């Protein structure tokens, strides 16, 4: 298969099923339909400029082409706006919402490895939102945000975050959890209480929201739910995710706290999908095994109750 045929094949994989290849090539290259068909039939060769336009427009990685593939390949990835202040946080939330909302109109599945509480779960309530953005901003730029408090997180950022939570609730998700998934947020809260960044009253309000969140997740965790939860013995990697859908597949690799890289590299997508599918073999789907589900959530409730008593004293 020559590269022109391969590129048009990749475009076909990424466009909505209702759209014709000739139409999108005509629009992308600003050609007539007749000239687009000539390139699709290979009567006319794509110029280097035309090839680059198509690769960029449809996020096609040239190193996926068999002729160029090697055991070690370069990975082209996109880094969304790096978070270090409230302006970049606002852009990040908008970018993430726009990108994920595209999947709702098509068959999709979002895999999520939750060593820490999944990103979207932090957007369950105003208190949790303010708390997690406080943690992220302090971690990303401590010198500028060491004095930041919950009240300093704007209502605008809270609303944007709630939009992401509402979007997450509409998605088909497969999450991998361990009994320690909740521990990280509780340790963060405990540390901020000790530093007087949070007072105990604020901590107890956040804790109640975590209790309500756990109750929501448990009620979701039933057979045939669009929210699948696996209890894992352990997880090695950080909170990474994989979106599989009809027209686009995306890998999300976390770094520096809330920040992530994303790539549609076919090899990377295949590798991470295989890794997720192999991982779940060692876990138990709690949607299908109610005794495991109930035992799991009792452990979470016990841990939450421990901190409730600690901060109530």
C-alpha atoms as a PDB file:
ATOM      1  CA  UNK A   1       0.000   0.000   0.000  1.00  0.00           C
ATOM      2  CA  UNK A   2       1.478   3.354  -0.997  1.00  0.00           C
ATOM      3  CA  UNK A   3       1.367   6.318   1.340  1.00  0.00           C
ATOM      4  CA  UNK A   4      -1.423   8.142  -0.530  1.00  0.00           C
ATOM      5  CA  UNK A   5      -3.775   5.159  -0.278  1.00  0.00           C
ATOM      6  CA  UNK A   6      -2.800   4.701   3.379  1.00  0.00           C
ATOM      7  CA  UNK A   7      -3.480   8.359   4.251  1.00  0.00           C
ATOM      8  CA  UNK A   8      -6.932   8.291   2.653  1.00  0.00           C
ATOM      9  CA  UNK A   9      -7.655   5.105   4.548  1.00  0.00           C
ATOM     10  CA  UNK A  10      -6.725   6.837   7.836  1.00  0.00           C
ATOM     11  CA  UNK A  11      -8.956   9.813   6.991  1.00  0.00           C
ATOM     12  CA  UNK A  12     -11.852   7.423   6.302  1.00  0.00           C
ATOM     13  CA  UNK A  13     -11.391   5.942   9.794  1.00  0.00           C
ATOM     14  CA  UNK A  14     -11.650   9.378  11.409  1.00  0.00           C
ATOM     15  CA  UNK A  15     -14.560  11.045   9.588  1.00  0.00           C
ATOM     16  CA  UNK A  16     -18.210  10.657  10.611  1.00  0.00           C
ATOM     17  CA  UNK A  17     -19.843   7.766   8.768  1.00  0.00           C
ATOM     18  CA  UNK A  18     -22.362  10.092   7.102  1.00  0.00           C
ATOM     19  CA  UNK A  19     -19.624  12.114   5.377  1.00  0.00           C
ATOM     20  CA  UNK A  20     -18.012  11.090   2.107  1.00  0.00           C
ATOM     21  CA  UNK A  21     -14.247  10.981   1.748  1.00  0.00           C
ATOM     22  CA  UNK A  22     -14.307  13.103  -1.399  1.00  0.00           C
ATOM     23  CA  UNK A  23     -16.268  15.834   0.381  1.00  0.00           C
ATOM     24  CA  UNK A  24     -13.876  16.146   3.309  1.00  0.00           C
ATOM     25  CA  UNK A  25     -10.783  16.025   1.065  1.00  0.00           C
ATOM     26  CA  UNK A  26     -12.344  18.724  -1.120  1.00  0.00           C
ATOM     27  CA  UNK A  27     -12.946  20.896   1.957  1.00  0.00           C
ATOM     28  CA  UNK A  28      -9.550  20.238   3.526  1.00  0.00           C
ATOM     29  CA  UNK A  29      -7.535  20.948   0.367  1.00  0.00           C
ATOM     30  CA  UNK A  30      -9.911  23.599  -1.060  1.00  0.00           C
ATOM     31  CA  UNK A  31     -10.426  21.592  -4.247  1.00  0.00           C
ATOM     32  CA  UNK A  32     -13.376  20.795  -6.440  1.00  0.00           C
ATOM     33  CA  UNK A  33     -15.017  17.407  -5.870  1.00  0.00           C
ATOM     34  CA  UNK A  34     -13.688  16.266  -9.250  1.00  0.00           C
ATOM     35  CA  UNK A  35     -10.089  17.063  -8.267  1.00  0.00           C
ATOM     36  CA  UNK A  36     -10.587  15.421  -4.875  1.00  0.00           C
ATOM     37  CA  UNK A  37     -11.748  12.215  -6.591  1.00  0.00           C
ATOM     38  CA  UNK A  38      -8.673  12.303  -8.846  1.00  0.00           C
ATOM     39  CA  UNK A  39      -6.430  12.223  -5.770  1.00  0.00           C
ATOM     40  CA  UNK A  40      -8.471   9.502  -4.076  1.00  0.00           C
ATOM     41  CA  UNK A  41      -8.222   7.329  -7.235  1.00  0.00           C
ATOM     42  CA  UNK A  42      -4.477   8.193  -7.396  1.00  0.00           C
ATOM     43  CA  UNK A  43      -4.886   9.685 -10.892  1.00  0.00           C
ATOM     44  CA  UNK A  44      -3.139  12.695  -9.349  1.00  0.00           C
ATOM     45  CA  UNK A  45      -0.454  12.424  -6.681  1.00  0.00           C
ATOM     46  CA  UNK A  46      -0.774  14.463  -3.490  1.00  0.00           C
ATOM     47  CA  UNK A  47       1.763  17.264  -3.271  1.00  0.00           C
ATOM     48  CA  UNK A  48       3.910  17.496  -0.141  1.00  0.00           C
ATOM     49  CA  UNK A  49       1.870  20.530   0.956  1.00  0.00           C
ATOM     50  CA  UNK A  50      -1.423  18.681   0.455  1.00  0.00           C
ATOM     51  CA  UNK A  51      -0.142  15.664   2.361  1.00  0.00           C
ATOM     52  CA  UNK A  52       0.884  17.833   5.323  1.00  0.00           C
ATOM     53  CA  UNK A  53      -2.514  19.586   5.340  1.00  0.00           C
ATOM     54  CA  UNK A  54      -4.312  16.243   5.596  1.00  0.00           C
ATOM     55  CA  UNK A  55      -1.950  14.882   8.271  1.00  0.00           C
ATOM     56  CA  UNK A  56      -2.458  17.985  10.421  1.00  0.00           C
ATOM     57  CA  UNK A  57      -6.232  18.258   9.857  1.00  0.00           C
ATOM     58  CA  UNK A  58      -6.885  14.652  10.908  1.00  0.00           C
ATOM     59  CA  UNK A  59      -4.073  14.227  13.450  1.00  0.00           C
ATOM     60  CA  UNK A  60      -2.505  11.370  11.472  1.00  0.00           C
ATOM     61  CA  UNK A  61       0.928  10.256  12.646  1.00  0.00           C
ATOM     62  CA  UNK A  62       3.233   9.468   9.738  1.00  0.00           C
ATOM     63  CA  UNK A  63       5.310   7.072  11.835  1.00  0.00           C
ATOM     64  CA  UNK A  64       2.293   4.725  11.903  1.00  0.00           C
ATOM     65  CA  UNK A  65       2.820   4.020   8.195  1.00  0.00           C
ATOM     66  CA  UNK A  66       4.339   0.539   7.897  1.00  0.00           C
ATOM     67  CA  UNK A  67       7.199   1.676   5.693  1.00  0.00           C
ATOM     68  CA  UNK A  68       8.393   4.030   8.431  1.00  0.00           C
ATOM     69  CA  UNK A  69       7.527   1.852  11.446  1.00  0.00           C
ATOM     70  CA  UNK A  70      10.332   0.505  13.604  1.00  0.00           C
ATOM     71  CA  UNK A  71      10.500  -1.243  16.952  1.00  0.00           C
ATOM     72  CA  UNK A  72      11.125   2.194  18.457  1.00  0.00           C
ATOM     73  CA  UNK A  73       9.115   5.005  16.893  1.00  0.00           C
ATOM     74  CA  UNK A  74       8.769   8.686  17.534  1.00  0.00           C
ATOM     75  CA  UNK A  75       5.571   9.743  19.245  1.00  0.00           C
ATOM     76  CA  UNK A  76       3.783  12.921  18.225  1.00  0.00           C
ATOM     77  CA  UNK A  77       1.681  14.245  21.101  1.00  0.00           C
ATOM     78  CA  UNK A  78      -0.342  17.329  21.931  1.00  0.00           C
ATOM     79  CA  UNK A  79       0.121  19.121  25.234  1.00  0.00           C
ATOM     80  CA  UNK A  80      -2.959  21.161  26.180  1.00  0.00           C
ATOM     81  CA  UNK A  81      -2.442  24.468  27.963  1.00  0.00           C
ATOM     82  CA  UNK A  82      -0.056  23.932  30.883  1.00  0.00           C
ATOM     83  CA  UNK A  83      -1.718  24.806  34.166  1.00  0.00           C
ATOM     84  CA  UNK A  84       0.051  27.275  36.422  1.00  0.00           C
ATOM     85  CA  UNK A  85      -2.611  29.897  37.161  1.00  0.00           C
ATOM     86  CA  UNK A  86      -6.376  30.407  37.037  1.00  0.00           C
ATOM     87  CA  UNK A  87      -6.307  31.661  33.424  1.00  0.00           C
ATOM     88  CA  UNK A  88      -4.559  28.525  32.161  1.00  0.00           C
ATOM     89  CA  UNK A  89      -6.837  26.389  34.337  1.00  0.00           C
ATOM     90  CA  UNK A  90      -9.868  27.955  32.655  1.00  0.00           C
ATOM     91  CA  UNK A  91      -8.454  27.221  29.192  1.00  0.00           C
ATOM     92  CA  UNK A  92      -7.601  23.662  30.228  1.00  0.00           C
ATOM     93  CA  UNK A  93     -11.157  22.979  31.420  1.00  0.00           C
ATOM     94  CA  UNK A  94     -12.634  24.363  28.181  1.00  0.00           C
ATOM     95  CA  UNK A  95     -10.239  22.395  25.986  1.00  0.00           C
ATOM     96  CA  UNK A  96     -10.929  19.157  27.829  1.00  0.00           C
ATOM     97  CA  UNK A  97     -14.690  19.660  27.683  1.00  0.00           C
ATOM     98  CA  UNK A  98     -14.703  20.399  23.947  1.00  0.00           C
ATOM     99  CA  UNK A  99     -12.519  17.394  23.162  1.00  0.00           C
ATOM    100  CA  UNK A 100     -14.469  14.838  25.207  1.00  0.00           C
ATOM    101  CA  UNK A 101     -17.903  16.151  24.192  1.00  0.00           C
ATOM    102  CA  UNK A 102     -17.197  15.025  20.603  1.00  0.00           C
ATOM    103  CA  UNK A 103     -17.430  11.397  21.741  1.00  0.00           C
ATOM    104  CA  UNK A 104     -21.029  11.651  22.981  1.00  0.00           C
ATOM    105  CA  UNK A 105     -22.489  11.474  19.481  1.00  0.00           C
ATOM    106  CA  UNK A 106     -20.782   8.151  18.711  1.00  0.00           C
ATOM    107  CA  UNK A 107     -20.098   4.763  20.250  1.00  0.00           C
ATOM    108  CA  UNK A 108     -17.264   5.191  22.740  1.00  0.00           C
ATOM    109  CA  UNK A 109     -15.592   3.862  25.866  1.00  0.00           C
ATOM    110  CA  UNK A 110     -13.320   5.792  28.219  1.00  0.00           C
ATOM    111  CA  UNK A 111     -10.834   3.594  30.102  1.00  0.00           C
ATOM    112  CA  UNK A 112      -9.502   5.194  33.286  1.00  0.00           C
ATOM    113  CA  UNK A 113      -6.830   3.914  35.660  1.00  0.00           C
ATOM    114  CA  UNK A 114      -7.641   5.434  39.051  1.00  0.00           C
ATOM    115  CA  UNK A 115      -4.682   5.268  41.392  1.00  0.00           C
ATOM    116  CA  UNK A 116      -6.048   8.592  42.593  1.00  0.00           C
ATOM    117  CA  UNK A 117      -9.700   9.618  42.568  1.00  0.00           C
ATOM    118  CA  UNK A 118     -10.645  10.085  38.876  1.00  0.00           C
ATOM    119  CA  UNK A 119     -10.366  13.656  37.656  1.00  0.00           C
ATOM    120  CA  UNK A 120     -14.101  13.997  36.981  1.00  0.00           C
ATOM    121  CA  UNK A 121     -15.064  12.775  40.455  1.00  0.00           C
ATOM    122  CA  UNK A 122     -13.391  15.845  41.938  1.00  0.00           C
ATOM    123  CA  UNK A 123     -15.937  17.906  40.014  1.00  0.00           C
ATOM    124  CA  UNK A 124     -18.883  16.300  41.830  1.00  0.00           C
ATOM    125  CA  UNK A 125     -19.469  19.227  44.197  1.00  0.00           C
ATOM    126  CA  UNK A 126     -18.443  22.859  44.707  1.00  0.00           C
ATOM    127  CA  UNK A 127     -16.437  21.973  47.823  1.00  0.00           C
ATOM    128  CA  UNK A 128     -14.493  19.182  46.089  1.00  0.00           C
ATOM    129  CA  UNK A 129     -13.900  21.367  43.045  1.00  0.00           C
ATOM    130  CA  UNK A 130     -12.461  24.209  45.092  1.00  0.00           C
ATOM    131  CA  UNK A 131     -10.345  21.820  47.138  1.00  0.00           C
ATOM    132  CA  UNK A 132      -8.807  20.030  44.150  1.00  0.00           C
ATOM    133  CA  UNK A 133      -8.121  23.212  42.192  1.00  0.00           C
ATOM    134  CA  UNK A 134      -6.435  24.575  45.309  1.00  0.00           C
ATOM    135  CA  UNK A 135      -4.204  21.469  45.430  1.00  0.00           C
ATOM    136  CA  UNK A 136      -3.445  21.601  41.697  1.00  0.00           C
ATOM    137  CA  UNK A 137      -2.588  25.307  41.634  1.00  0.00           C
ATOM    138  CA  UNK A 138      -0.375  25.041  44.723  1.00  0.00           C
ATOM    139  CA  UNK A 139       1.398  22.063  43.159  1.00  0.00           C
ATOM    140  CA  UNK A 140       1.849  23.692  39.744  1.00  0.00           C
ATOM    141  CA  UNK A 141       3.095  27.057  41.009  1.00  0.00           C
ATOM    142  CA  UNK A 142       3.589  27.016  44.772  1.00  0.00           C
ATOM    143  CA  UNK A 143       5.458  30.317  44.918  1.00  0.00           C
ATOM    144  CA  UNK A 144       2.411  32.113  43.475  1.00  0.00           C
ATOM    145  CA  UNK A 145      -0.301  30.132  45.261  1.00  0.00           C
ATOM    146  CA  UNK A 146       1.034  29.214  48.697  1.00  0.00           C
ATOM    147  CA  UNK A 147      -1.525  31.542  50.306  1.00  0.00           C
ATOM    148  CA  UNK A 148      -4.444  30.328  48.164  1.00  0.00           C
ATOM    149  CA  UNK A 149      -7.599  29.278  50.025  1.00  0.00           C
ATOM    150  CA  UNK A 150     -10.884  27.617  49.028  1.00  0.00           C
ATOM    151  CA  UNK A 151     -12.699  30.951  48.854  1.00  0.00           C
ATOM    152  CA  UNK A 152     -10.213  32.169  46.230  1.00  0.00           C
ATOM    153  CA  UNK A 153     -11.374  29.630  43.604  1.00  0.00           C
ATOM    154  CA  UNK A 154     -13.819  31.549  41.415  1.00  0.00           C
ATOM    155  CA  UNK A 155     -17.414  30.540  40.760  1.00  0.00           C
ATOM    156  CA  UNK A 156     -16.599  30.611  37.024  1.00  0.00           C
ATOM    157  CA  UNK A 157     -14.049  27.810  37.433  1.00  0.00           C
ATOM    158  CA  UNK A 158     -16.511  25.913  39.631  1.00  0.00           C
ATOM    159  CA  UNK A 159     -19.184  26.082  36.918  1.00  0.00           C
ATOM    160  CA  UNK A 160     -16.791  24.955  34.200  1.00  0.00           C
ATOM    161  CA  UNK A 161     -15.748  22.017  36.346  1.00  0.00           C
ATOM    162  CA  UNK A 162     -19.352  21.023  37.008  1.00  0.00           C
ATOM    163  CA  UNK A 163     -19.916  20.994  33.235  1.00  0.00           C
ATOM    164  CA  UNK A 164     -17.143  18.417  32.937  1.00  0.00           C
ATOM    165  CA  UNK A 165     -18.725  16.298  35.654  1.00  0.00           C
ATOM    166  CA  UNK A 166     -22.087  16.415  33.860  1.00  0.00           C
ATOM    167  CA  UNK A 167     -20.332  15.353  30.646  1.00  0.00           C
ATOM    168  CA  UNK A 168     -18.585  12.485  32.442  1.00  0.00           C
ATOM    169  CA  UNK A 169     -21.957  11.265  33.726  1.00  0.00           C
ATOM    170  CA  UNK A 170     -23.118  10.848  30.116  1.00  0.00           C
ATOM    171  CA  UNK A 171     -20.043   8.902  28.970  1.00  0.00           C
ATOM    172  CA  UNK A 172     -19.437   5.161  28.859  1.00  0.00           C
ATOM    173  CA  UNK A 173     -16.611   4.608  31.337  1.00  0.00           C
ATOM    174  CA  UNK A 174     -14.551   1.648  32.501  1.00  0.00           C
ATOM    175  CA  UNK A 175     -12.585   2.528  35.642  1.00  0.00           C
ATOM    176  CA  UNK A 176      -9.955   0.564  37.533  1.00  0.00           C
ATOM    177  CA  UNK A 177     -10.002   1.267  41.299  1.00  0.00           C
ATOM    178  CA  UNK A 178      -8.064  -0.116  44.244  1.00  0.00           C
ATOM    179  CA  UNK A 179      -8.863   0.049  47.941  1.00  0.00           C
ATOM    180  CA  UNK A 180      -6.335   2.914  48.159  1.00  0.00           C
ATOM    181  CA  UNK A 181      -7.846   5.054  45.388  1.00  0.00           C
ATOM    182  CA  UNK A 182      -9.541   7.270  47.981  1.00  0.00           C
ATOM    183  CA  UNK A 183      -6.480   7.469  50.237  1.00  0.00           C
ATOM    184  CA  UNK A 184      -4.621  10.130  48.283  1.00  0.00           C
ATOM    185  CA  UNK A 185      -7.336  12.781  48.547  1.00  0.00           C
ATOM    186  CA  UNK A 186      -7.742  12.097  52.276  1.00  0.00           C
ATOM    187  CA  UNK A 187      -3.998  12.400  52.859  1.00  0.00           C
ATOM    188  CA  UNK A 188      -3.958  15.674  50.904  1.00  0.00           C
ATOM    189  CA  UNK A 189      -6.823  17.012  53.017  1.00  0.00           C
ATOM    190  CA  UNK A 190      -5.126  15.910  56.238  1.00  0.00           C
ATOM    191  CA  UNK A 191      -1.923  17.644  55.204  1.00  0.00           C
ATOM    192  CA  UNK A 192      -3.729  20.915  54.394  1.00  0.00           C
ATOM    193  CA  UNK A 193      -5.585  20.787  57.707  1.00  0.00           C
ATOM    194  CA  UNK A 194      -2.252  20.348  59.497  1.00  0.00           C
ATOM    195  CA  UNK A 195      -0.882  23.378  57.612  1.00  0.00           C
ATOM    196  CA  UNK A 196      -4.026  25.418  58.406  1.00  0.00           C
ATOM    197  CA  UNK A 197      -4.730  25.805  54.685  1.00  0.00           C
ATOM    198  CA  UNK A 198      -8.043  24.073  55.401  1.00  0.00           C
ATOM    199  CA  UNK A 199      -9.856  24.401  58.685  1.00  0.00           C
ATOM    200  CA  UNK A 200     -11.618  21.364  60.155  1.00  0.00           C
ATOM    201  CA  UNK A 201     -15.061  22.704  59.301  1.00  0.00           C
ATOM    202  CA  UNK A 202     -14.082  22.978  55.626  1.00  0.00           C
ATOM    203  CA  UNK A 203     -12.524  19.509  55.731  1.00  0.00           C
ATOM    204  CA  UNK A 204     -15.725  18.024  57.136  1.00  0.00           C
ATOM    205  CA  UNK A 205     -17.807  19.650  54.392  1.00  0.00           C
ATOM    206  CA  UNK A 206     -15.506  18.188  51.723  1.00  0.00           C
ATOM    207  CA  UNK A 207     -15.606  14.838  53.490  1.00  0.00           C
ATOM    208  CA  UNK A 208     -19.412  14.799  53.423  1.00  0.00           C
ATOM    209  CA  UNK A 209     -19.293  15.401  49.674  1.00  0.00           C
ATOM    210  CA  UNK A 210     -16.916  12.455  49.316  1.00  0.00           C
ATOM    211  CA  UNK A 211     -19.397  10.318  51.266  1.00  0.00           C
ATOM    212  CA  UNK A 212     -22.187  11.443  48.915  1.00  0.00           C
ATOM    213  CA  UNK A 213     -19.963  10.765  45.893  1.00  0.00           C
ATOM    214  CA  UNK A 214     -19.213   7.226  47.088  1.00  0.00           C
ATOM    215  CA  UNK A 215     -22.931   6.642  47.560  1.00  0.00           C
ATOM    216  CA  UNK A 216     -23.593   7.833  43.989  1.00  0.00           C
ATOM    217  CA  UNK A 217     -20.877   5.574  42.567  1.00  0.00           C
ATOM    218  CA  UNK A 218     -22.185   2.563  44.484  1.00  0.00           C
ATOM    219  CA  UNK A 219     -25.709   3.145  43.124  1.00  0.00           C
ATOM    220  CA  UNK A 220     -24.212   3.419  39.616  1.00  0.00           C
ATOM    221  CA  UNK A 221     -22.255   0.219  40.037  1.00  0.00           C
ATOM    222  CA  UNK A 222     -24.923  -2.218  38.823  1.00  0.00           C
ATOM    223  CA  UNK A 223     -25.224  -4.618  35.911  1.00  0.00           C
ATOM    224  CA  UNK A 224     -25.571  -2.975  32.482  1.00  0.00           C
ATOM    225  CA  UNK A 225     -24.560   0.441  33.846  1.00  0.00           C
ATOM    226  CA  UNK A 226     -22.626   2.740  31.506  1.00  0.00           C
ATOM    227  CA  UNK A 227     -20.242   3.244  34.447  1.00  0.00           C
ATOM    228  CA  UNK A 228     -18.185   0.068  34.964  1.00  0.00           C
ATOM    229  CA  UNK A 229     -15.921  -0.238  38.011  1.00  0.00           C
ATOM    230  CA  UNK A 230     -13.236  -2.889  38.503  1.00  0.00           C
ATOM    231  CA  UNK A 231     -11.702  -3.618  41.894  1.00  0.00           C
ATOM    232  CA  UNK A 232      -7.991  -4.174  41.282  1.00  0.00           C
ATOM    233  CA  UNK A 233      -5.427  -5.686  43.666  1.00  0.00           C
ATOM    234  CA  UNK A 234      -3.065  -2.831  42.748  1.00  0.00           C
ATOM    235  CA  UNK A 235      -2.290  -0.341  39.969  1.00  0.00           C
ATOM    236  CA  UNK A 236       1.242   0.426  38.820  1.00  0.00           C
ATOM    237  CA  UNK A 237       0.687   3.487  36.667  1.00  0.00           C
ATOM    238  CA  UNK A 238      -0.644   6.940  37.404  1.00  0.00           C
ATOM    239  CA  UNK A 239      -4.081   8.233  36.384  1.00  0.00           C
ATOM    240  CA  UNK A 240      -3.889   7.554  32.648  1.00  0.00           C
ATOM    241  CA  UNK A 241      -6.856   7.206  30.316  1.00  0.00           C
ATOM    242  CA  UNK A 242      -7.789   5.905  26.874  1.00  0.00           C
ATOM    243  CA  UNK A 243     -10.764   7.012  24.771  1.00  0.00           C
ATOM    244  CA  UNK A 244     -11.914   4.520  22.138  1.00  0.00           C
ATOM    245  CA  UNK A 245     -14.641   5.665  19.738  1.00  0.00           C
ATOM    246  CA  UNK A 246     -15.907   5.233  16.195  1.00  0.00           C
ATOM    247  CA  UNK A 247     -13.829   7.966  14.611  1.00  0.00           C
ATOM    248  CA  UNK A 248     -11.077   8.910  17.020  1.00  0.00           C
ATOM    249  CA  UNK A 249      -8.933   7.126  19.583  1.00  0.00           C
ATOM    250  CA  UNK A 250      -6.956   9.125  22.137  1.00  0.00           C
ATOM    251  CA  UNK A 251      -4.381   8.282  24.789  1.00  0.00           C
ATOM    252  CA  UNK A 252      -4.117  10.602  27.806  1.00  0.00           C
ATOM    253  CA  UNK A 253      -0.828  10.464  29.729  1.00  0.00           C
ATOM    254  CA  UNK A 254      -0.749  12.446  32.954  1.00  0.00           C
ATOM    255  CA  UNK A 255       2.243  14.476  34.120  1.00  0.00           C
ATOM    256  CA  UNK A 256       2.882  17.311  36.572  1.00  0.00           C
ATOM    257  CA  UNK A 257      -0.368  16.912  38.476  1.00  0.00           C
ATOM    258  CA  UNK A 258      -3.488  17.699  36.458  1.00  0.00           C
ATOM    259  CA  UNK A 259      -1.598  18.186  33.173  1.00  0.00           C
ATOM    260  CA  UNK A 260      -1.623  15.555  30.439  1.00  0.00           C
ATOM    261  CA  UNK A 261      -0.322  14.758  26.986  1.00  0.00           C
ATOM    262  CA  UNK A 262      -2.650  13.291  24.395  1.00  0.00           C
ATOM    263  CA  UNK A 263      -1.907  11.354  21.227  1.00  0.00           C
ATOM    264  CA  UNK A 264      -3.849   9.404  18.624  1.00  0.00           C
ATOM    265  CA  UNK A 265      -0.776   7.388  17.634  1.00  0.00           C
ATOM    266  CA  UNK A 266      -2.180   4.004  16.552  1.00  0.00           C
ATOM    267  CA  UNK A 267       0.617   2.001  18.161  1.00  0.00           C
ATOM    268  CA  UNK A 268       0.235   3.854  21.452  1.00  0.00           C
ATOM    269  CA  UNK A 269      -3.553   3.387  21.393  1.00  0.00           C
ATOM    270  CA  UNK A 270      -3.149  -0.342  20.710  1.00  0.00           C
ATOM    271  CA  UNK A 271      -0.520  -0.714  23.442  1.00  0.00           C
ATOM    272  CA  UNK A 272      -2.583   1.041  26.105  1.00  0.00           C
ATOM    273  CA  UNK A 273      -5.790  -0.765  25.116  1.00  0.00           C
ATOM    274  CA  UNK A 274      -3.970  -4.079  25.430  1.00  0.00           C
ATOM    275  CA  UNK A 275      -2.557  -3.004  28.807  1.00  0.00           C
ATOM    276  CA  UNK A 276      -6.006  -2.079  30.120  1.00  0.00           C
ATOM    277  CA  UNK A 277      -7.576  -5.295  28.862  1.00  0.00           C
ATOM    278  CA  UNK A 278      -4.786  -7.347  30.429  1.00  0.00           C
ATOM    279  CA  UNK A 279      -5.036  -5.459  33.716  1.00  0.00           C
ATOM    280  CA  UNK A 280      -8.744  -6.083  34.157  1.00  0.00           C
ATOM    281  CA  UNK A 281      -8.110  -9.829  33.985  1.00  0.00           C
ATOM    282  CA  UNK A 282      -6.662  -9.580  37.500  1.00  0.00           C
ATOM    283  CA  UNK A 283      -9.588  -7.495  38.765  1.00  0.00           C
ATOM    284  CA  UNK A 284     -13.245  -8.094  39.568  1.00  0.00           C
ATOM    285  CA  UNK A 285     -16.029  -6.217  37.814  1.00  0.00           C
ATOM    286  CA  UNK A 286     -18.020  -4.878  40.747  1.00  0.00           C
ATOM    287  CA  UNK A 287     -21.051  -4.253  38.516  1.00  0.00           C
ATOM    288  CA  UNK A 288     -21.364  -8.017  38.086  1.00  0.00           C
ATOM    289  CA  UNK A 289     -20.289  -9.126  41.567  1.00  0.00           C
ATOM    290  CA  UNK A 290     -22.395  -7.428  44.223  1.00  0.00           C
ATOM    291  CA  UNK A 291     -20.645  -8.979  47.293  1.00  0.00           C
ATOM    292  CA  UNK A 292     -17.314  -7.571  46.069  1.00  0.00           C
ATOM    293  CA  UNK A 293     -18.929  -4.198  45.386  1.00  0.00           C
ATOM    294  CA  UNK A 294     -20.499  -3.991  48.832  1.00  0.00           C
ATOM    295  CA  UNK A 295     -17.306  -5.071  50.587  1.00  0.00           C
ATOM    296  CA  UNK A 296     -15.292  -2.550  48.564  1.00  0.00           C
ATOM    297  CA  UNK A 297     -17.519   0.395  49.436  1.00  0.00           C
ATOM    298  CA  UNK A 298     -17.570  -0.607  53.112  1.00  0.00           C
ATOM    299  CA  UNK A 299     -13.780  -0.220  53.099  1.00  0.00           C
ATOM    300  CA  UNK A 300     -14.136   3.263  51.586  1.00  0.00           C
ATOM    301  CA  UNK A 301     -16.777   4.237  54.135  1.00  0.00           C
ATOM    302  CA  UNK A 302     -14.583   3.014  56.997  1.00  0.00           C
ATOM    303  CA  UNK A 303     -11.673   5.143  55.791  1.00  0.00           C
ATOM    304  CA  UNK A 304     -13.891   8.203  55.412  1.00  0.00           C
ATOM    305  CA  UNK A 305     -15.362   7.649  58.864  1.00  0.00           C
ATOM    306  CA  UNK A 306     -11.867   7.514  60.365  1.00  0.00           C
ATOM    307  CA  UNK A 307     -11.123  11.041  59.139  1.00  0.00           C
ATOM    308  CA  UNK A 308     -14.585  12.301  60.054  1.00  0.00           C
ATOM    309  CA  UNK A 309     -13.941  11.310  63.673  1.00  0.00           C
ATOM    310  CA  UNK A 310     -10.440  12.782  63.533  1.00  0.00           C
ATOM    311  CA  UNK A 311     -11.592  16.193  62.292  1.00  0.00           C
ATOM    312  CA  UNK A 312     -14.679  16.243  64.530  1.00  0.00           C
ATOM    313  CA  UNK A 313     -12.611  16.034  67.705  1.00  0.00           C
END
